[in-house]
Amino acid sequence: MKKIALAAALSVAASSAFAGGFVEPRMEPEVVKASTSSSGGVLVPLLLLVVLAAAAAS
């Protein structure tokens, strides 16, 4: 008899957990950080230096 009473109590407790119904979860927007490239400002002067060094060597 105790098992039946325990099962009834657990079923009542479990059914009240779902009383609110389905709520769609809200997703936080993903933050995307813009990548910056520092090699773009250095690449052109470096190539110019290589060309000038090659011209001076010949």
PDB file of N, CA and C in Angstrom:
ATOM      1  N   MET A   1       0.816  -1.189   0.000  1.00  0.00           N
ATOM      2  CA  MET A   1       0.000   0.000   0.000  1.00  0.00           C
ATOM      3  C   MET A   1       0.864   1.259   0.000  1.00  0.00           C
ATOM      4  N   LYS A   2       2.015   1.167   0.711  1.00  0.00           N
ATOM      5  CA  LYS A   2       2.915   2.324   0.764  1.00  0.00           C
ATOM      6  C   LYS A   2       3.488   2.625  -0.627  1.00  0.00           C
ATOM      7  N   LYS A   3       3.736   1.592  -1.401  1.00  0.00           N
ATOM      8  CA  LYS A   3       4.283   1.798  -2.751  1.00  0.00           C
ATOM      9  C   LYS A   3       3.273   2.506  -3.648  1.00  0.00           C
ATOM     10  N   ILE A   4       2.011   2.180  -3.498  1.00  0.00           N
ATOM     11  CA  ILE A   4       0.975   2.825  -4.309  1.00  0.00           C
ATOM     12  C   ILE A   4       0.848   4.295  -3.925  1.00  0.00           C
ATOM     13  N   ALA A   5       0.905   4.587  -2.630  1.00  0.00           N
ATOM     14  CA  ALA A   5       0.812   5.975  -2.173  1.00  0.00           C
ATOM     15  C   ALA A   5       2.031   6.775  -2.635  1.00  0.00           C
ATOM     16  N   LEU A   6       3.198   6.158  -2.585  1.00  0.00           N
ATOM     17  CA  LEU A   6       4.414   6.823  -3.053  1.00  0.00           C
ATOM     18  C   LEU A   6       4.358   7.085  -4.558  1.00  0.00           C
ATOM     19  N   ALA A   7       3.875   6.132  -5.324  1.00  0.00           N
ATOM     20  CA  ALA A   7       3.744   6.302  -6.771  1.00  0.00           C
ATOM     21  C   ALA A   7       2.743   7.397  -7.101  1.00  0.00           C
ATOM     22  N   ALA A   8       1.653   7.466  -6.348  1.00  0.00           N
ATOM     23  CA  ALA A   8       0.650   8.513  -6.583  1.00  0.00           C
ATOM     24  C   ALA A   8       1.232   9.887  -6.256  1.00  0.00           C
ATOM     25  N   ALA A   9       1.986   9.985  -5.175  1.00  0.00           N
ATOM     26  CA  ALA A   9       2.586  11.267  -4.789  1.00  0.00           C
ATOM     27  C   ALA A   9       3.619  11.719  -5.823  1.00  0.00           C
ATOM     28  N   LEU A  10       4.409  10.802  -6.321  1.00  0.00           N
ATOM     29  CA  LEU A  10       5.418  11.149  -7.330  1.00  0.00           C
ATOM     30  C   LEU A  10       4.769  11.552  -8.653  1.00  0.00           C
ATOM     31  N   SER A  11       3.667  10.905  -9.030  1.00  0.00           N
ATOM     32  CA  SER A  11       3.011  11.263 -10.290  1.00  0.00           C
ATOM     33  C   SER A  11       2.360  12.631 -10.196  1.00  0.00           C
ATOM     34  N   VAL A  12       1.827  12.987  -9.028  1.00  0.00           N
ATOM     35  CA  VAL A  12       1.247  14.319  -8.853  1.00  0.00           C
ATOM     36  C   VAL A  12       2.347  15.375  -8.896  1.00  0.00           C
ATOM     37  N   ALA A  13       3.488  15.104  -8.256  1.00  0.00           N
ATOM     38  CA  ALA A  13       4.598  16.057  -8.244  1.00  0.00           C
ATOM     39  C   ALA A  13       5.190  16.233  -9.641  1.00  0.00           C
ATOM     40  N   ALA A  14       5.268  15.147 -10.414  1.00  0.00           N
ATOM     41  CA  ALA A  14       5.831  15.219 -11.760  1.00  0.00           C
ATOM     42  C   ALA A  14       4.902  15.942 -12.717  1.00  0.00           C
ATOM     43  N   SER A  15       3.603  15.786 -12.556  1.00  0.00           N
ATOM     44  CA  SER A  15       2.681  16.443 -13.476  1.00  0.00           C
ATOM     45  C   SER A  15       2.622  17.950 -13.236  1.00  0.00           C
ATOM     46  N   SER A  16       2.878  18.399 -12.017  1.00  0.00           N
ATOM     47  CA  SER A  16       2.872  19.840 -11.748  1.00  0.00           C
ATOM     48  C   SER A  16       4.104  20.525 -12.318  1.00  0.00           C
ATOM     49  N   ALA A  17       5.149  19.762 -12.579  1.00  0.00           N
ATOM     50  CA  ALA A  17       6.360  20.348 -13.152  1.00  0.00           C
ATOM     51  C   ALA A  17       6.121  20.790 -14.595  1.00  0.00           C
ATOM     52  N   PHE A  18       5.178  20.165 -15.295  1.00  0.00           N
ATOM     53  CA  PHE A  18       4.902  20.486 -16.684  1.00  0.00           C
ATOM     54  C   PHE A  18       3.660  21.356 -16.846  1.00  0.00           C
ATOM     55  N   ALA A  19       3.192  21.974 -15.786  1.00  0.00           N
ATOM     56  CA  ALA A  19       1.944  22.723 -15.826  1.00  0.00           C
ATOM     57  C   ALA A  19       2.053  24.002 -16.642  1.00  0.00           C
ATOM     58  N   GLY A  20       3.241  24.542 -16.807  1.00  0.00           N
ATOM     59  CA  GLY A  20       3.386  25.808 -17.501  1.00  0.00           C
ATOM     60  C   GLY A  20       3.271  25.707 -19.007  1.00  0.00           C
ATOM     61  N   GLY A  21       3.465  24.563 -19.556  1.00  0.00           N
ATOM     62  CA  GLY A  21       3.410  24.405 -21.005  1.00  0.00           C
ATOM     63  C   GLY A  21       4.775  24.670 -21.626  1.00  0.00           C
ATOM     64  N   PHE A  22       4.806  24.622 -22.939  1.00  0.00           N
ATOM     65  CA  PHE A  22       6.067  24.784 -23.672  1.00  0.00           C
ATOM     66  C   PHE A  22       6.370  26.256 -23.889  1.00  0.00           C
ATOM     67  N   VAL A  23       7.576  26.649 -23.556  1.00  0.00           N
ATOM     68  CA  VAL A  23       8.038  28.010 -23.796  1.00  0.00           C
ATOM     69  C   VAL A  23       9.265  27.922 -24.690  1.00  0.00           C
ATOM     70  N   GLU A  24       9.223  28.623 -25.811  1.00  0.00           N
ATOM     71  CA  GLU A  24      10.340  28.587 -26.737  1.00  0.00           C
ATOM     72  C   GLU A  24      11.541  29.305 -26.130  1.00  0.00           C
ATOM     73  N   PRO A  25      12.703  28.674 -26.120  1.00  0.00           N
ATOM     74  CA  PRO A  25      13.880  29.314 -25.519  1.00  0.00           C
ATOM     75  C   PRO A  25      14.364  30.486 -26.356  1.00  0.00           C
ATOM     76  N   ARG A  26      14.818  31.524 -25.672  1.00  0.00           N
ATOM     77  CA  ARG A  26      15.357  32.684 -26.377  1.00  0.00           C
ATOM     78  C   ARG A  26      16.868  32.525 -26.492  1.00  0.00           C
ATOM     79  N   MET A  27      17.373  32.741 -27.689  1.00  0.00           N
ATOM     80  CA  MET A  27      18.812  32.607 -27.927  1.00  0.00           C
ATOM     81  C   MET A  27      19.441  33.984 -27.922  1.00  0.00           C
ATOM     82  N   GLU A  28      20.583  34.091 -27.277  1.00  0.00           N
ATOM     83  CA  GLU A  28      21.324  35.344 -27.276  1.00  0.00           C
ATOM     84  C   GLU A  28      22.005  35.519 -28.633  1.00  0.00           C
ATOM     85  N   PRO A  29      22.036  36.734 -29.175  1.00  0.00           N
ATOM     86  CA  PRO A  29      22.723  36.932 -30.453  1.00  0.00           C
ATOM     87  C   PRO A  29      24.229  36.718 -30.298  1.00  0.00           C
ATOM     88  N   GLU A  30      24.800  36.091 -31.301  1.00  0.00           N
ATOM     89  CA  GLU A  30      26.232  35.801 -31.261  1.00  0.00           C
ATOM     90  C   GLU A  30      27.017  37.062 -31.610  1.00  0.00           C
ATOM     91  N   VAL A  31      27.998  37.368 -30.787  1.00  0.00           N
ATOM     92  CA  VAL A  31      28.823  38.553 -31.000  1.00  0.00           C
ATOM     93  C   VAL A  31      29.999  38.156 -31.881  1.00  0.00           C
ATOM     94  N   VAL A  32      30.149  38.849 -33.006  1.00  0.00           N
ATOM     95  CA  VAL A  32      31.227  38.559 -33.937  1.00  0.00           C
ATOM     96  C   VAL A  32      32.193  39.735 -33.912  1.00  0.00           C
ATOM     97  N   LYS A  33      33.431  39.455 -33.571  1.00  0.00           N
ATOM     98  CA  LYS A  33      34.442  40.498 -33.504  1.00  0.00           C
ATOM     99  C   LYS A  33      35.108  40.627 -34.866  1.00  0.00           C
ATOM    100  N   ALA A  34      35.194  41.862 -35.335  1.00  0.00           N
ATOM    101  CA  ALA A  34      35.826  42.102 -36.633  1.00  0.00           C
ATOM    102  C   ALA A  34      37.337  41.928 -36.483  1.00  0.00           C
ATOM    103  N   SER A  35      37.904  41.172 -37.380  1.00  0.00           N
ATOM    104  CA  SER A  35      39.344  40.954 -37.309  1.00  0.00           C
ATOM    105  C   SER A  35      40.065  42.080 -38.044  1.00  0.00           C
ATOM    106  N   THR A  36      41.156  42.505 -37.457  1.00  0.00           N
ATOM    107  CA  THR A  36      41.951  43.553 -38.077  1.00  0.00           C
ATOM    108  C   THR A  36      43.278  42.959 -38.523  1.00  0.00           C
ATOM    109  N   SER A  37      43.761  43.423 -39.624  1.00  0.00           N
ATOM    110  CA  SER A  37      45.010  42.916 -40.171  1.00  0.00           C
ATOM    111  C   SER A  37      46.054  44.021 -40.106  1.00  0.00           C
ATOM    112  N   SER A  38      47.129  43.764 -39.370  1.00  0.00           N
ATOM    113  CA  SER A  38      48.174  44.771 -39.245  1.00  0.00           C
ATOM    114  C   SER A  38      49.266  44.584 -40.300  1.00  0.00           C
ATOM    115  N   SER A  39      49.257  43.462 -41.016  1.00  0.00           N
ATOM    116  CA  SER A  39      50.315  43.217 -41.989  1.00  0.00           C
ATOM    117  C   SER A  39      50.104  44.022 -43.276  1.00  0.00           C
ATOM    118  N   GLY A  40      48.918  44.546 -43.518  1.00  0.00           N
ATOM    119  CA  GLY A  40      48.648  45.296 -44.734  1.00  0.00           C
ATOM    120  C   GLY A  40      49.424  46.603 -44.798  1.00  0.00           C
ATOM    121  N   GLY A  41      49.640  47.265 -43.682  1.00  0.00           N
ATOM    122  CA  GLY A  41      50.379  48.522 -43.668  1.00  0.00           C
ATOM    123  C   GLY A  41      51.875  48.334 -43.708  1.00  0.00           C
ATOM    124  N   VAL A  42      52.357  47.155 -43.405  1.00  0.00           N
ATOM    125  CA  VAL A  42      53.798  46.889 -43.363  1.00  0.00           C
ATOM    126  C   VAL A  42      54.275  46.230 -44.644  1.00  0.00           C
ATOM    127  N   LEU A  43      53.381  45.542 -45.316  1.00  0.00           N
ATOM    128  CA  LEU A  43      53.768  44.741 -46.473  1.00  0.00           C
ATOM    129  C   LEU A  43      54.277  45.595 -47.641  1.00  0.00           C
ATOM    130  N   VAL A  44      53.615  46.685 -47.946  1.00  0.00           N
ATOM    131  CA  VAL A  44      54.010  47.522 -49.089  1.00  0.00           C
ATOM    132  C   VAL A  44      55.373  48.168 -48.862  1.00  0.00           C
ATOM    133  N   PRO A  45      55.638  48.811 -47.725  1.00  0.00           N
ATOM    134  CA  PRO A  45      56.987  49.374 -47.527  1.00  0.00           C
ATOM    135  C   PRO A  45      58.082  48.314 -47.498  1.00  0.00           C
ATOM    136  N   LEU A  46      57.760  47.123 -46.975  1.00  0.00           N
ATOM    137  CA  LEU A  46      58.745  46.045 -46.952  1.00  0.00           C
ATOM    138  C   LEU A  46      59.084  45.588 -48.366  1.00  0.00           C
ATOM    139  N   LEU A  47      58.076  45.441 -49.219  1.00  0.00           N
ATOM    140  CA  LEU A  47      58.339  45.068 -50.608  1.00  0.00           C
ATOM    141  C   LEU A  47      59.115  46.159 -51.340  1.00  0.00           C
ATOM    142  N   LEU A  48      58.809  47.418 -51.054  1.00  0.00           N
ATOM    143  CA  LEU A  48      59.546  48.527 -51.678  1.00  0.00           C
ATOM    144  C   LEU A  48      61.017  48.503 -51.248  1.00  0.00           C
ATOM    145  N   LEU A  49      61.266  48.185 -49.993  1.00  0.00           N
ATOM    146  CA  LEU A  49      62.640  48.099 -49.508  1.00  0.00           C
ATOM    147  C   LEU A  49      63.400  46.970 -50.189  1.00  0.00           C
ATOM    148  N   VAL A  50      62.724  45.830 -50.403  1.00  0.00           N
ATOM    149  CA  VAL A  50      63.363  44.701 -51.094  1.00  0.00           C
ATOM    150  C   VAL A  50      63.692  45.059 -52.531  1.00  0.00           C
ATOM    151  N   VAL A  51      62.773  45.753 -53.204  1.00  0.00           N
ATOM    152  CA  VAL A  51      63.012  46.146 -54.601  1.00  0.00           C
ATOM    153  C   VAL A  51      64.168  47.141 -54.673  1.00  0.00           C
ATOM    154  N   LEU A  52      64.214  48.101 -53.760  1.00  0.00           N
ATOM    155  CA  LEU A  52      65.307  49.067 -53.762  1.00  0.00           C
ATOM    156  C   LEU A  52      66.644  48.421 -53.451  1.00  0.00           C
ATOM    157  N   ALA A  53      66.639  47.439 -52.545  1.00  0.00           N
ATOM    158  CA  ALA A  53      67.883  46.725 -52.231  1.00  0.00           C
ATOM    159  C   ALA A  53      68.347  45.894 -53.425  1.00  0.00           C
ATOM    160  N   ALA A  54      67.424  45.306 -54.151  1.00  0.00           N
ATOM    161  CA  ALA A  54      67.791  44.516 -55.332  1.00  0.00           C
ATOM    162  C   ALA A  54      68.307  45.438 -56.436  1.00  0.00           C
ATOM    163  N   ALA A  55      67.725  46.622 -56.567  1.00  0.00           N
ATOM    164  CA  ALA A  55      68.183  47.566 -57.584  1.00  0.00           C
ATOM    165  C   ALA A  55      69.570  48.114 -57.233  1.00  0.00           C
ATOM    166  N   ALA A  56      69.814  48.326 -55.943  1.00  0.00           N
ATOM    167  CA  ALA A  56      71.120  48.859 -55.524  1.00  0.00           C
ATOM    168  C   ALA A  56      72.204  47.794 -55.638  1.00  0.00           C
ATOM    169  N   ALA A  57      71.857  46.539 -55.510  1.00  0.00           N
ATOM    170  CA  ALA A  57      72.846  45.475 -55.579  1.00  0.00           C
ATOM    171  C   ALA A  57      73.280  45.202 -57.018  1.00  0.00           C
ATOM    172  N   SER A  58      72.491  45.558 -57.990  1.00  0.00           N
ATOM    173  CA  SER A  58      72.872  45.263 -59.365  1.00  0.00           C
ATOM    174  C   SER A  58      73.552  46.394 -60.037  1.00  0.00           C
TER     175      SER A  58
END
